Amino acid sequence: MTRLLIVDDEALVRAGLKMILESDDELEVVAEAEDGADAARMVKEHRPDVVLMDIRMPRLDGLAATREVQALPDPPKIVVLTTFDLDDYVFRALQAGASGFLLKDTPPRELVQAIKVVAAGDAMLSPAVTRRLIGHFAGDPRADRKRSAQERINKLTDREREVLVAVGRGLQNADIGRKLFMSEATVKAHVSRALVKLDATNRVQVAILAYEAGLLDD
């Protein structure tokens, strides 16, 4: 059973999301919060596996709330909810540690599947979205950290580096396994070790790091 926390200032949205998510026997909404200011406290109280976080809320927005939750010990996965596709708020939330984003009008079946993907630790960004995300940070002069990125990546084994590049291209674990001729479990193990060595929160940050290091240039 995957435990979920919904953080959204609109009661109707929370009710709709709960109804959709709990239509699946493997998902359970254990708590709801009406503002980002309550998110960290609710996470500590209810220990959800995944948090659905609205990006725009009146007291504390989803960006700040994401940072607060990510600062907790063993934080849950965070999925940003937005009406506005990949805007600057979403980019910054992803950079702060969110595992992906969903539009609020995502069809119910896709919403359920996306939550399961994130809960399993896989990427929830398609290759096309990953390229847009990387392109956003590539255009930011603050992202010019190639030497630092390369030094961090030098900690990886050759096999971990191959997996890193595949993650940077937006591939899922199953696709990486087929491409590199290894089991999905082995891919997951390489990803987990790479995250620890790189001090990265999730695959989104790994993708950005791979770009900054110049590993995605070809």
N, C-alpha and C. Protein backbone atom coordinates (compact mmCIF):
# COMPACT_ATOMS: atom_id res chain seq x y z
N MET A 1 0.84 -1.20 0.00
CA MET A 1 0.00 0.00 0.00
C MET A 1 0.87 1.25 0.00
N THR A 2 0.60 2.17 -0.93
CA THR A 2 1.32 3.43 -1.01
C THR A 2 0.53 4.51 -0.28
N ARG A 3 1.17 5.15 0.69
CA ARG A 3 0.53 6.17 1.52
C ARG A 3 0.74 7.56 0.88
N LEU A 4 -0.34 8.33 0.80
CA LEU A 4 -0.29 9.60 0.09
C LEU A 4 -0.74 10.75 0.98
N LEU A 5 -0.11 11.91 0.78
CA LEU A 5 -0.54 13.17 1.39
C LEU A 5 -0.86 14.14 0.26
N ILE A 6 -2.04 14.76 0.30
CA ILE A 6 -2.43 15.76 -0.69
C ILE A 6 -2.33 17.14 -0.06
N VAL A 7 -1.59 18.05 -0.71
CA VAL A 7 -1.44 19.42 -0.21
C VAL A 7 -1.97 20.36 -1.29
N ASP A 8 -3.14 20.95 -1.05
CA ASP A 8 -3.78 21.84 -2.02
C ASP A 8 -4.75 22.73 -1.28
N ASP A 9 -4.80 24.02 -1.63
CA ASP A 9 -5.66 24.95 -0.91
C ASP A 9 -7.12 24.86 -1.33
N GLU A 10 -7.44 24.12 -2.38
CA GLU A 10 -8.82 24.00 -2.85
C GLU A 10 -9.41 22.68 -2.37
N ALA A 11 -10.44 22.76 -1.54
CA ALA A 11 -11.06 21.56 -0.99
C ALA A 11 -11.62 20.66 -2.09
N LEU A 12 -12.18 21.26 -3.13
CA LEU A 12 -12.76 20.47 -4.22
C LEU A 12 -11.69 19.67 -4.95
N VAL A 13 -10.53 20.27 -5.14
CA VAL A 13 -9.43 19.57 -5.78
C VAL A 13 -8.96 18.41 -4.92
N ARG A 14 -8.81 18.66 -3.62
CA ARG A 14 -8.39 17.59 -2.71
C ARG A 14 -9.37 16.43 -2.74
N ALA A 15 -10.66 16.74 -2.70
CA ALA A 15 -11.68 15.70 -2.70
C ALA A 15 -11.64 14.89 -3.99
N GLY A 16 -11.47 15.60 -5.12
CA GLY A 16 -11.41 14.91 -6.40
C GLY A 16 -10.20 14.01 -6.52
N LEU A 17 -9.05 14.51 -6.08
CA LEU A 17 -7.83 13.70 -6.12
C LEU A 17 -7.96 12.47 -5.23
N LYS A 18 -8.49 12.66 -4.04
CA LYS A 18 -8.65 11.52 -3.12
C LYS A 18 -9.55 10.45 -3.73
N MET A 19 -10.65 10.87 -4.33
CA MET A 19 -11.58 9.91 -4.94
C MET A 19 -10.89 9.11 -6.05
N ILE A 20 -10.14 9.83 -6.88
CA ILE A 20 -9.45 9.17 -8.00
C ILE A 20 -8.39 8.20 -7.48
N LEU A 21 -7.56 8.66 -6.55
CA LEU A 21 -6.44 7.86 -6.08
C LEU A 21 -6.89 6.63 -5.30
N GLU A 22 -7.91 6.79 -4.47
CA GLU A 22 -8.35 5.67 -3.66
C GLU A 22 -9.26 4.72 -4.43
N SER A 23 -9.50 5.01 -5.71
CA SER A 23 -10.19 4.03 -6.55
C SER A 23 -9.28 2.85 -6.86
N ASP A 24 -7.98 3.03 -6.59
CA ASP A 24 -7.00 1.96 -6.77
C ASP A 24 -6.69 1.35 -5.40
N ASP A 25 -6.75 0.03 -5.31
CA ASP A 25 -6.59 -0.65 -4.03
C ASP A 25 -5.18 -0.50 -3.44
N GLU A 26 -4.21 -0.09 -4.26
CA GLU A 26 -2.83 0.00 -3.78
C GLU A 26 -2.48 1.39 -3.26
N LEU A 27 -3.43 2.34 -3.34
CA LEU A 27 -3.16 3.71 -2.92
C LEU A 27 -4.09 4.11 -1.77
N GLU A 28 -3.54 4.82 -0.80
CA GLU A 28 -4.33 5.29 0.34
C GLU A 28 -3.94 6.73 0.68
N VAL A 29 -4.92 7.62 0.70
CA VAL A 29 -4.69 9.00 1.12
C VAL A 29 -4.77 9.04 2.64
N VAL A 30 -3.63 9.22 3.30
CA VAL A 30 -3.59 9.15 4.76
C VAL A 30 -3.81 10.52 5.40
N ALA A 31 -3.66 11.60 4.62
CA ALA A 31 -3.85 12.94 5.19
C ALA A 31 -3.99 13.96 4.08
N GLU A 32 -4.58 15.12 4.43
CA GLU A 32 -4.72 16.24 3.52
C GLU A 32 -4.28 17.51 4.24
N ALA A 33 -3.70 18.44 3.49
CA ALA A 33 -3.32 19.75 4.04
C ALA A 33 -3.80 20.82 3.07
N GLU A 34 -4.28 21.94 3.62
CA GLU A 34 -4.83 23.00 2.77
C GLU A 34 -3.81 24.09 2.46
N ASP A 35 -2.58 23.94 2.95
CA ASP A 35 -1.56 24.93 2.64
C ASP A 35 -0.17 24.31 2.82
N GLY A 36 0.80 24.84 2.09
CA GLY A 36 2.15 24.33 2.19
C GLY A 36 2.75 24.49 3.57
N ALA A 37 2.22 25.45 4.34
CA ALA A 37 2.73 25.68 5.69
C ALA A 37 2.52 24.48 6.59
N ASP A 38 1.54 23.63 6.24
CA ASP A 38 1.24 22.45 7.05
C ASP A 38 1.92 21.19 6.54
N ALA A 39 2.59 21.27 5.39
CA ALA A 39 3.08 20.07 4.72
C ALA A 39 4.12 19.32 5.55
N ALA A 40 5.15 20.00 6.03
CA ALA A 40 6.22 19.33 6.77
C ALA A 40 5.67 18.66 8.03
N ARG A 41 4.78 19.37 8.74
CA ARG A 41 4.20 18.79 9.97
C ARG A 41 3.39 17.54 9.65
N MET A 42 2.61 17.59 8.57
CA MET A 42 1.78 16.45 8.19
C MET A 42 2.64 15.27 7.75
N VAL A 43 3.75 15.56 7.09
CA VAL A 43 4.66 14.49 6.70
C VAL A 43 5.22 13.79 7.93
N LYS A 44 5.63 14.57 8.92
CA LYS A 44 6.18 13.98 10.15
C LYS A 44 5.12 13.16 10.90
N GLU A 45 3.88 13.62 10.87
CA GLU A 45 2.82 12.94 11.60
C GLU A 45 2.35 11.66 10.90
N HIS A 46 2.26 11.70 9.57
CA HIS A 46 1.61 10.62 8.84
C HIS A 46 2.54 9.75 8.00
N ARG A 47 3.78 10.17 7.81
CA ARG A 47 4.79 9.40 7.08
C ARG A 47 4.29 8.87 5.73
N PRO A 48 3.84 9.75 4.85
CA PRO A 48 3.41 9.30 3.52
C PRO A 48 4.60 8.87 2.66
N ASP A 49 4.33 8.06 1.66
CA ASP A 49 5.36 7.66 0.69
C ASP A 49 5.50 8.71 -0.41
N VAL A 50 4.37 9.33 -0.76
CA VAL A 50 4.34 10.33 -1.83
C VAL A 50 3.48 11.50 -1.39
N VAL A 51 3.95 12.71 -1.69
CA VAL A 51 3.18 13.94 -1.43
C VAL A 51 2.80 14.56 -2.77
N LEU A 52 1.51 14.84 -2.95
CA LEU A 52 1.05 15.61 -4.11
C LEU A 52 0.95 17.05 -3.66
N MET A 53 1.79 17.91 -4.24
CA MET A 53 1.97 19.28 -3.75
C MET A 53 1.52 20.30 -4.79
N ASP A 54 0.47 21.05 -4.45
CA ASP A 54 0.06 22.17 -5.31
C ASP A 54 1.19 23.20 -5.32
N ILE A 55 1.43 23.82 -6.45
CA ILE A 55 2.57 24.74 -6.56
C ILE A 55 2.22 26.14 -6.08
N ARG A 56 0.95 26.53 -6.19
CA ARG A 56 0.55 27.89 -5.80
C ARG A 56 -0.47 27.83 -4.67
N MET A 57 -0.05 28.29 -3.48
CA MET A 57 -0.93 28.31 -2.30
C MET A 57 -0.72 29.63 -1.57
N PRO A 58 -1.73 30.10 -0.81
CA PRO A 58 -1.69 31.47 -0.29
C PRO A 58 -0.63 31.77 0.77
N ARG A 59 -0.43 30.90 1.75
CA ARG A 59 0.52 31.22 2.83
C ARG A 59 1.94 30.77 2.47
N LEU A 60 2.12 29.50 2.19
CA LEU A 60 3.43 28.96 1.81
C LEU A 60 3.26 28.18 0.53
N ASP A 61 3.93 28.62 -0.55
CA ASP A 61 3.71 27.96 -1.83
C ASP A 61 4.41 26.59 -1.88
N GLY A 62 4.12 25.86 -2.96
CA GLY A 62 4.65 24.51 -3.09
C GLY A 62 6.15 24.46 -3.20
N LEU A 63 6.76 25.51 -3.73
CA LEU A 63 8.22 25.55 -3.84
C LEU A 63 8.87 25.56 -2.46
N ALA A 64 8.42 26.49 -1.60
CA ALA A 64 8.98 26.57 -0.25
C ALA A 64 8.64 25.32 0.56
N ALA A 65 7.42 24.81 0.38
CA ALA A 65 7.02 23.60 1.11
C ALA A 65 7.84 22.39 0.68
N THR A 66 8.16 22.32 -0.60
CA THR A 66 9.00 21.22 -1.09
C THR A 66 10.36 21.27 -0.42
N ARG A 67 10.93 22.46 -0.32
CA ARG A 67 12.23 22.59 0.34
C ARG A 67 12.16 22.15 1.81
N GLU A 68 11.08 22.53 2.49
CA GLU A 68 10.93 22.15 3.90
C GLU A 68 10.81 20.64 4.04
N VAL A 69 10.03 20.02 3.20
CA VAL A 69 9.84 18.57 3.28
C VAL A 69 11.14 17.84 2.94
N GLN A 70 11.85 18.33 1.92
CA GLN A 70 13.09 17.68 1.52
C GLN A 70 14.16 17.78 2.61
N ALA A 71 14.03 18.75 3.50
CA ALA A 71 15.01 18.91 4.58
C ALA A 71 14.76 17.93 5.73
N LEU A 72 13.62 17.22 5.70
CA LEU A 72 13.31 16.26 6.76
C LEU A 72 14.13 14.98 6.58
N PRO A 73 14.36 14.23 7.65
CA PRO A 73 15.04 12.93 7.51
C PRO A 73 14.16 11.97 6.69
N ASP A 74 14.77 11.26 5.76
CA ASP A 74 14.06 10.28 4.94
C ASP A 74 12.77 10.84 4.37
N PRO A 75 12.85 11.91 3.56
CA PRO A 75 11.63 12.57 3.06
C PRO A 75 10.91 11.71 2.04
N PRO A 76 9.60 11.91 1.89
CA PRO A 76 8.83 11.19 0.87
C PRO A 76 9.12 11.75 -0.52
N LYS A 77 8.68 11.03 -1.54
CA LYS A 77 8.73 11.56 -2.89
C LYS A 77 7.71 12.70 -3.01
N ILE A 78 8.00 13.70 -3.81
CA ILE A 78 7.08 14.82 -3.99
C ILE A 78 6.74 14.97 -5.47
N VAL A 79 5.45 15.06 -5.74
CA VAL A 79 4.96 15.31 -7.09
C VAL A 79 4.26 16.66 -7.08
N VAL A 80 4.71 17.56 -7.93
CA VAL A 80 4.14 18.91 -8.00
C VAL A 80 2.88 18.90 -8.86
N LEU A 81 1.82 19.52 -8.35
CA LEU A 81 0.57 19.67 -9.09
C LEU A 81 0.49 21.09 -9.63
N THR A 82 0.18 21.23 -10.91
CA THR A 82 0.15 22.56 -11.51
C THR A 82 -0.90 22.64 -12.61
N THR A 83 -1.34 23.85 -12.87
CA THR A 83 -2.26 24.11 -13.98
C THR A 83 -1.50 24.65 -15.18
N PHE A 84 -0.22 24.98 -15.00
CA PHE A 84 0.48 25.82 -15.96
C PHE A 84 1.63 25.14 -16.69
N ASP A 85 1.66 23.79 -16.73
CA ASP A 85 2.72 23.08 -17.42
C ASP A 85 4.08 23.46 -16.83
N LEU A 86 5.14 23.42 -17.61
CA LEU A 86 6.49 23.62 -17.08
C LEU A 86 6.84 25.10 -16.95
N ASP A 87 6.24 25.77 -15.96
CA ASP A 87 6.60 27.16 -15.74
C ASP A 87 7.76 27.25 -14.75
N ASP A 88 8.16 28.47 -14.41
CA ASP A 88 9.36 28.64 -13.59
C ASP A 88 9.19 28.06 -12.19
N TYR A 89 7.97 28.15 -11.64
CA TYR A 89 7.73 27.57 -10.32
C TYR A 89 8.00 26.07 -10.34
N VAL A 90 7.52 25.40 -11.38
CA VAL A 90 7.71 23.95 -11.48
C VAL A 90 9.19 23.62 -11.64
N PHE A 91 9.88 24.36 -12.51
CA PHE A 91 11.32 24.13 -12.68
C PHE A 91 12.05 24.21 -11.35
N ARG A 92 11.73 25.25 -10.58
CA ARG A 92 12.45 25.44 -9.32
C ARG A 92 12.07 24.37 -8.28
N ALA A 93 10.82 23.92 -8.32
CA ALA A 93 10.41 22.84 -7.41
C ALA A 93 11.13 21.54 -7.76
N LEU A 94 11.29 21.26 -9.04
CA LEU A 94 12.02 20.08 -9.47
C LEU A 94 13.48 20.18 -9.04
N GLN A 95 14.05 21.35 -9.18
CA GLN A 95 15.43 21.56 -8.77
C GLN A 95 15.57 21.40 -7.26
N ALA A 96 14.52 21.75 -6.52
CA ALA A 96 14.56 21.66 -5.06
C ALA A 96 14.37 20.24 -4.55
N GLY A 97 14.02 19.31 -5.45
CA GLY A 97 13.93 17.93 -5.02
C GLY A 97 12.64 17.20 -5.37
N ALA A 98 11.65 17.88 -6.00
CA ALA A 98 10.44 17.18 -6.40
C ALA A 98 10.78 16.12 -7.45
N SER A 99 10.04 15.02 -7.41
CA SER A 99 10.34 13.88 -8.30
C SER A 99 9.68 14.01 -9.66
N GLY A 100 8.79 14.96 -9.82
CA GLY A 100 8.12 15.11 -11.10
C GLY A 100 6.95 16.08 -10.96
N PHE A 101 6.19 16.23 -12.02
CA PHE A 101 5.04 17.12 -11.94
C PHE A 101 3.88 16.54 -12.73
N LEU A 102 2.67 16.94 -12.33
CA LEU A 102 1.46 16.53 -13.01
C LEU A 102 0.57 17.74 -13.23
N LEU A 103 -0.07 17.80 -14.38
CA LEU A 103 -1.09 18.81 -14.59
C LEU A 103 -2.36 18.39 -13.86
N LYS A 104 -3.11 19.35 -13.34
CA LYS A 104 -4.31 19.02 -12.58
C LYS A 104 -5.40 18.37 -13.44
N ASP A 105 -5.30 18.53 -14.76
CA ASP A 105 -6.30 17.89 -15.61
C ASP A 105 -5.81 16.57 -16.19
N THR A 106 -4.78 15.98 -15.56
CA THR A 106 -4.29 14.67 -15.99
C THR A 106 -5.43 13.64 -15.87
N PRO A 107 -5.66 12.81 -16.89
CA PRO A 107 -6.71 11.79 -16.81
C PRO A 107 -6.50 10.87 -15.61
N PRO A 108 -7.57 10.44 -14.96
CA PRO A 108 -7.47 9.64 -13.74
C PRO A 108 -6.54 8.43 -13.84
N ARG A 109 -6.64 7.66 -14.92
CA ARG A 109 -5.80 6.47 -15.04
C ARG A 109 -4.32 6.85 -15.09
N GLU A 110 -4.00 7.93 -15.81
CA GLU A 110 -2.60 8.37 -15.90
C GLU A 110 -2.11 8.91 -14.56
N LEU A 111 -2.99 9.56 -13.82
CA LEU A 111 -2.63 10.08 -12.50
C LEU A 111 -2.24 8.94 -11.56
N VAL A 112 -3.06 7.90 -11.52
CA VAL A 112 -2.79 6.75 -10.67
C VAL A 112 -1.48 6.09 -11.07
N GLN A 113 -1.28 5.89 -12.36
CA GLN A 113 -0.06 5.24 -12.82
C GLN A 113 1.18 6.08 -12.49
N ALA A 114 1.06 7.39 -12.64
CA ALA A 114 2.19 8.27 -12.36
C ALA A 114 2.60 8.19 -10.89
N ILE A 115 1.62 8.14 -10.00
CA ILE A 115 1.92 8.04 -8.56
C ILE A 115 2.62 6.73 -8.27
N LYS A 116 2.20 5.66 -8.90
CA LYS A 116 2.84 4.36 -8.69
C LYS A 116 4.28 4.37 -9.20
N VAL A 117 4.51 5.03 -10.32
CA VAL A 117 5.85 5.12 -10.88
C VAL A 117 6.78 5.84 -9.90
N VAL A 118 6.31 6.96 -9.37
CA VAL A 118 7.13 7.73 -8.43
C VAL A 118 7.37 6.94 -7.14
N ALA A 119 6.33 6.30 -6.64
CA ALA A 119 6.46 5.53 -5.40
C ALA A 119 7.49 4.41 -5.56
N ALA A 120 7.60 3.88 -6.78
CA ALA A 120 8.56 2.80 -7.04
C ALA A 120 9.98 3.33 -7.21
N GLY A 121 10.13 4.65 -7.22
CA GLY A 121 11.46 5.25 -7.33
C GLY A 121 11.91 5.50 -8.75
N ASP A 122 11.02 5.36 -9.71
CA ASP A 122 11.39 5.57 -11.10
C ASP A 122 11.12 7.01 -11.49
N ALA A 123 11.56 7.38 -12.70
CA ALA A 123 11.35 8.75 -13.18
C ALA A 123 9.90 8.95 -13.60
N MET A 124 9.40 10.16 -13.41
CA MET A 124 8.06 10.48 -13.88
C MET A 124 8.11 11.60 -14.92
N LEU A 125 9.25 11.74 -15.57
CA LEU A 125 9.41 12.73 -16.62
C LEU A 125 9.73 12.00 -17.92
N SER A 126 9.01 12.31 -18.96
CA SER A 126 9.30 11.69 -20.24
C SER A 126 10.60 12.25 -20.80
N PRO A 127 11.22 11.57 -21.78
CA PRO A 127 12.42 12.13 -22.39
C PRO A 127 12.23 13.55 -22.92
N ALA A 128 11.05 13.84 -23.49
CA ALA A 128 10.80 15.18 -24.02
C ALA A 128 10.78 16.21 -22.91
N VAL A 129 10.13 15.89 -21.79
CA VAL A 129 10.08 16.81 -20.66
C VAL A 129 11.46 16.97 -20.05
N THR A 130 12.21 15.87 -19.96
CA THR A 130 13.56 15.93 -19.41
C THR A 130 14.42 16.88 -20.24
N ARG A 131 14.30 16.81 -21.56
CA ARG A 131 15.09 17.71 -22.42
C ARG A 131 14.70 19.16 -22.17
N ARG A 132 13.41 19.44 -22.01
CA ARG A 132 12.96 20.81 -21.74
C ARG A 132 13.49 21.29 -20.38
N LEU A 133 13.46 20.39 -19.42
CA LEU A 133 13.95 20.74 -18.08
C LEU A 133 15.43 21.08 -18.12
N ILE A 134 16.21 20.23 -18.76
CA ILE A 134 17.65 20.47 -18.87
C ILE A 134 17.92 21.74 -19.66
N GLY A 135 17.15 21.96 -20.71
CA GLY A 135 17.33 23.16 -21.51
C GLY A 135 17.08 24.42 -20.71
N HIS A 136 16.13 24.35 -19.79
CA HIS A 136 15.85 25.51 -18.93
C HIS A 136 17.06 25.86 -18.08
N PHE A 137 17.65 24.88 -17.45
CA PHE A 137 18.79 25.14 -16.59
C PHE A 137 20.05 25.45 -17.41
N ALA A 138 20.13 24.89 -18.61
CA ALA A 138 21.29 25.17 -19.46
C ALA A 138 21.33 26.63 -19.85
N GLY A 139 20.13 27.25 -19.94
CA GLY A 139 20.10 28.66 -20.31
C GLY A 139 20.32 29.59 -19.15
N ASP A 140 20.49 29.03 -17.97
CA ASP A 140 20.69 29.84 -16.77
C ASP A 140 22.18 29.94 -16.49
N PRO A 141 22.76 31.16 -16.45
CA PRO A 141 24.20 31.28 -16.24
C PRO A 141 24.67 30.67 -14.93
N ARG A 142 23.77 30.53 -13.96
CA ARG A 142 24.16 29.92 -12.70
C ARG A 142 24.41 28.43 -12.86
N ALA A 143 23.94 27.84 -13.96
CA ALA A 143 24.09 26.40 -14.18
C ALA A 143 25.42 26.07 -14.84
N ASP A 144 26.29 27.04 -15.03
CA ASP A 144 27.58 26.80 -15.67
C ASP A 144 28.55 26.25 -14.62
N ARG A 145 28.40 24.95 -14.32
CA ARG A 145 29.19 24.33 -13.26
C ARG A 145 29.81 23.04 -13.78
N LYS A 146 30.32 23.09 -15.00
CA LYS A 146 30.79 21.85 -15.64
C LYS A 146 31.90 21.18 -14.84
N ARG A 147 32.89 21.94 -14.41
CA ARG A 147 34.02 21.34 -13.71
C ARG A 147 33.57 20.67 -12.41
N SER A 148 32.71 21.36 -11.67
CA SER A 148 32.22 20.79 -10.42
C SER A 148 31.42 19.52 -10.67
N ALA A 149 30.59 19.54 -11.72
CA ALA A 149 29.78 18.36 -12.04
C ALA A 149 30.67 17.18 -12.43
N GLN A 150 31.71 17.45 -13.21
CA GLN A 150 32.61 16.39 -13.62
C GLN A 150 33.35 15.79 -12.43
N GLU A 151 33.74 16.62 -11.48
CA GLU A 151 34.43 16.12 -10.29
C GLU A 151 33.52 15.19 -9.49
N ARG A 152 32.27 15.54 -9.40
CA ARG A 152 31.32 14.69 -8.68
C ARG A 152 31.11 13.37 -9.41
N ILE A 153 31.00 13.44 -10.72
CA ILE A 153 30.73 12.23 -11.50
C ILE A 153 31.94 11.31 -11.54
N ASN A 154 33.12 11.83 -11.31
CA ASN A 154 34.31 10.99 -11.27
C ASN A 154 34.27 9.97 -10.13
N LYS A 155 33.36 10.15 -9.19
CA LYS A 155 33.21 9.18 -8.10
C LYS A 155 32.53 7.90 -8.56
N LEU A 156 31.91 7.94 -9.73
CA LEU A 156 31.12 6.81 -10.20
C LEU A 156 31.98 5.78 -10.92
N THR A 157 31.53 4.53 -10.91
CA THR A 157 32.15 3.50 -11.74
C THR A 157 31.73 3.71 -13.19
N ASP A 158 32.38 3.03 -14.11
CA ASP A 158 32.02 3.16 -15.53
C ASP A 158 30.57 2.76 -15.76
N ARG A 159 30.14 1.69 -15.09
CA ARG A 159 28.78 1.20 -15.28
C ARG A 159 27.76 2.18 -14.70
N GLU A 160 28.08 2.74 -13.56
CA GLU A 160 27.19 3.74 -12.96
C GLU A 160 27.10 4.98 -13.85
N ARG A 161 28.20 5.32 -14.50
CA ARG A 161 28.20 6.47 -15.39
C ARG A 161 27.31 6.20 -16.61
N GLU A 162 27.36 4.97 -17.14
CA GLU A 162 26.49 4.61 -18.27
C GLU A 162 25.02 4.74 -17.87
N VAL A 163 24.70 4.27 -16.68
CA VAL A 163 23.33 4.38 -16.20
C VAL A 163 22.95 5.85 -16.00
N LEU A 164 23.88 6.63 -15.49
CA LEU A 164 23.65 8.07 -15.28
C LEU A 164 23.27 8.75 -16.60
N VAL A 165 24.00 8.45 -17.65
CA VAL A 165 23.72 9.05 -18.96
C VAL A 165 22.32 8.66 -19.43
N ALA A 166 21.96 7.40 -19.24
CA ALA A 166 20.63 6.94 -19.66
C ALA A 166 19.54 7.65 -18.86
N VAL A 167 19.76 7.82 -17.57
CA VAL A 167 18.81 8.57 -16.74
C VAL A 167 18.71 10.00 -17.24
N GLY A 168 19.85 10.59 -17.59
CA GLY A 168 19.87 11.95 -18.10
C GLY A 168 19.10 12.11 -19.39
N ARG A 169 18.98 11.03 -20.14
CA ARG A 169 18.21 11.07 -21.39
C ARG A 169 16.74 10.77 -21.16
N GLY A 170 16.35 10.59 -19.89
CA GLY A 170 14.94 10.41 -19.57
C GLY A 170 14.43 8.99 -19.67
N LEU A 171 15.33 8.00 -19.73
CA LEU A 171 14.90 6.61 -19.86
C LEU A 171 14.44 6.04 -18.52
N GLN A 172 13.43 5.17 -18.57
CA GLN A 172 12.97 4.45 -17.39
C GLN A 172 13.91 3.28 -17.11
N ASN A 173 13.80 2.70 -15.91
CA ASN A 173 14.69 1.61 -15.53
C ASN A 173 14.62 0.43 -16.49
N ALA A 174 13.40 0.06 -16.90
CA ALA A 174 13.25 -1.08 -17.81
C ALA A 174 13.94 -0.81 -19.14
N ASP A 175 13.81 0.42 -19.65
CA ASP A 175 14.46 0.78 -20.92
C ASP A 175 15.97 0.79 -20.78
N ILE A 176 16.47 1.26 -19.63
CA ILE A 176 17.92 1.27 -19.40
C ILE A 176 18.45 -0.15 -19.37
N GLY A 177 17.70 -1.04 -18.71
CA GLY A 177 18.12 -2.44 -18.64
C GLY A 177 18.25 -3.07 -20.02
N ARG A 178 17.28 -2.80 -20.87
CA ARG A 178 17.35 -3.36 -22.23
C ARG A 178 18.52 -2.76 -23.01
N LYS A 179 18.74 -1.47 -22.84
CA LYS A 179 19.79 -0.79 -23.58
C LYS A 179 21.18 -1.27 -23.15
N LEU A 180 21.35 -1.49 -21.83
CA LEU A 180 22.67 -1.83 -21.30
C LEU A 180 22.81 -3.31 -20.95
N PHE A 181 21.79 -4.10 -21.31
CA PHE A 181 21.85 -5.55 -21.12
C PHE A 181 22.05 -5.92 -19.65
N MET A 182 21.18 -5.39 -18.80
CA MET A 182 21.20 -5.75 -17.38
C MET A 182 19.78 -5.82 -16.88
N SER A 183 19.57 -6.48 -15.75
CA SER A 183 18.23 -6.61 -15.21
C SER A 183 17.76 -5.27 -14.64
N GLU A 184 16.45 -5.14 -14.51
CA GLU A 184 15.89 -3.90 -13.96
C GLU A 184 16.35 -3.71 -12.51
N ALA A 185 16.47 -4.83 -11.77
CA ALA A 185 16.94 -4.74 -10.39
C ALA A 185 18.37 -4.21 -10.32
N THR A 186 19.21 -4.62 -11.27
CA THR A 186 20.58 -4.14 -11.31
C THR A 186 20.62 -2.65 -11.64
N VAL A 187 19.76 -2.23 -12.55
CA VAL A 187 19.67 -0.80 -12.89
C VAL A 187 19.30 0.00 -11.64
N LYS A 188 18.28 -0.47 -10.91
CA LYS A 188 17.86 0.23 -9.70
C LYS A 188 19.00 0.33 -8.69
N ALA A 189 19.79 -0.75 -8.59
CA ALA A 189 20.92 -0.73 -7.65
C ALA A 189 21.96 0.30 -8.07
N HIS A 190 22.25 0.37 -9.37
CA HIS A 190 23.21 1.36 -9.87
C HIS A 190 22.69 2.78 -9.64
N VAL A 191 21.41 2.99 -9.89
CA VAL A 191 20.82 4.32 -9.68
C VAL A 191 20.91 4.72 -8.21
N SER A 192 20.58 3.80 -7.33
CA SER A 192 20.63 4.08 -5.90
C SER A 192 22.03 4.45 -5.44
N ARG A 193 23.03 3.68 -5.91
CA ARG A 193 24.41 3.98 -5.53
C ARG A 193 24.86 5.32 -6.09
N ALA A 194 24.46 5.61 -7.32
CA ALA A 194 24.84 6.88 -7.94
C ALA A 194 24.23 8.06 -7.19
N LEU A 195 22.98 7.93 -6.76
CA LEU A 195 22.33 9.00 -6.01
C LEU A 195 23.09 9.29 -4.73
N VAL A 196 23.53 8.24 -4.05
CA VAL A 196 24.28 8.42 -2.81
C VAL A 196 25.63 9.10 -3.09
N LYS A 197 26.35 8.59 -4.08
CA LYS A 197 27.68 9.13 -4.39
C LYS A 197 27.62 10.58 -4.84
N LEU A 198 26.54 10.93 -5.56
CA LEU A 198 26.42 12.28 -6.11
C LEU A 198 25.69 13.23 -5.16
N ASP A 199 25.24 12.70 -4.02
CA ASP A 199 24.48 13.50 -3.07
C ASP A 199 23.29 14.16 -3.76
N ALA A 200 22.60 13.36 -4.57
CA ALA A 200 21.45 13.84 -5.32
C ALA A 200 20.17 13.29 -4.69
N THR A 201 19.11 14.06 -4.77
CA THR A 201 17.84 13.65 -4.17
C THR A 201 17.07 12.69 -5.07
N ASN A 202 17.11 12.94 -6.36
CA ASN A 202 16.31 12.12 -7.26
C ASN A 202 16.88 12.16 -8.68
N ARG A 203 16.18 11.51 -9.60
CA ARG A 203 16.65 11.37 -10.97
C ARG A 203 16.65 12.69 -11.74
N VAL A 204 15.78 13.60 -11.34
CA VAL A 204 15.76 14.90 -12.00
C VAL A 204 17.09 15.62 -11.78
N GLN A 205 17.56 15.62 -10.54
CA GLN A 205 18.84 16.27 -10.24
C GLN A 205 20.00 15.55 -10.93
N VAL A 206 19.91 14.23 -11.04
CA VAL A 206 20.94 13.47 -11.75
C VAL A 206 20.97 13.86 -13.22
N ALA A 207 19.79 14.04 -13.82
CA ALA A 207 19.73 14.43 -15.24
C ALA A 207 20.39 15.79 -15.46
N ILE A 208 20.12 16.72 -14.56
CA ILE A 208 20.72 18.05 -14.67
C ILE A 208 22.24 17.96 -14.51
N LEU A 209 22.70 17.15 -13.56
CA LEU A 209 24.12 16.98 -13.33
C LEU A 209 24.80 16.37 -14.55
N ALA A 210 24.16 15.38 -15.16
CA ALA A 210 24.72 14.76 -16.36
C ALA A 210 24.89 15.78 -17.48
N TYR A 211 23.90 16.66 -17.61
CA TYR A 211 24.00 17.70 -18.64
C TYR A 211 25.16 18.65 -18.33
N GLU A 212 25.21 19.11 -17.08
CA GLU A 212 26.24 20.08 -16.70
C GLU A 212 27.64 19.51 -16.91
N ALA A 213 27.80 18.19 -16.74
CA ALA A 213 29.09 17.55 -16.91
C ALA A 213 29.44 17.31 -18.38
N GLY A 214 28.50 17.59 -19.27
CA GLY A 214 28.74 17.40 -20.70
C GLY A 214 28.55 15.99 -21.19
N LEU A 215 27.88 15.15 -20.40
CA LEU A 215 27.70 13.75 -20.77
C LEU A 215 26.58 13.52 -21.77
N LEU A 216 25.77 14.53 -22.01
CA LEU A 216 24.63 14.38 -22.92
C LEU A 216 24.85 15.14 -24.23
N ASP A 217 26.09 15.53 -24.49
CA ASP A 217 26.35 16.37 -25.66
C ASP A 217 26.23 15.64 -26.98
N ASP A 218 26.50 14.33 -26.98
CA ASP A 218 26.46 13.61 -28.26
C ASP A 218 25.07 13.18 -28.63
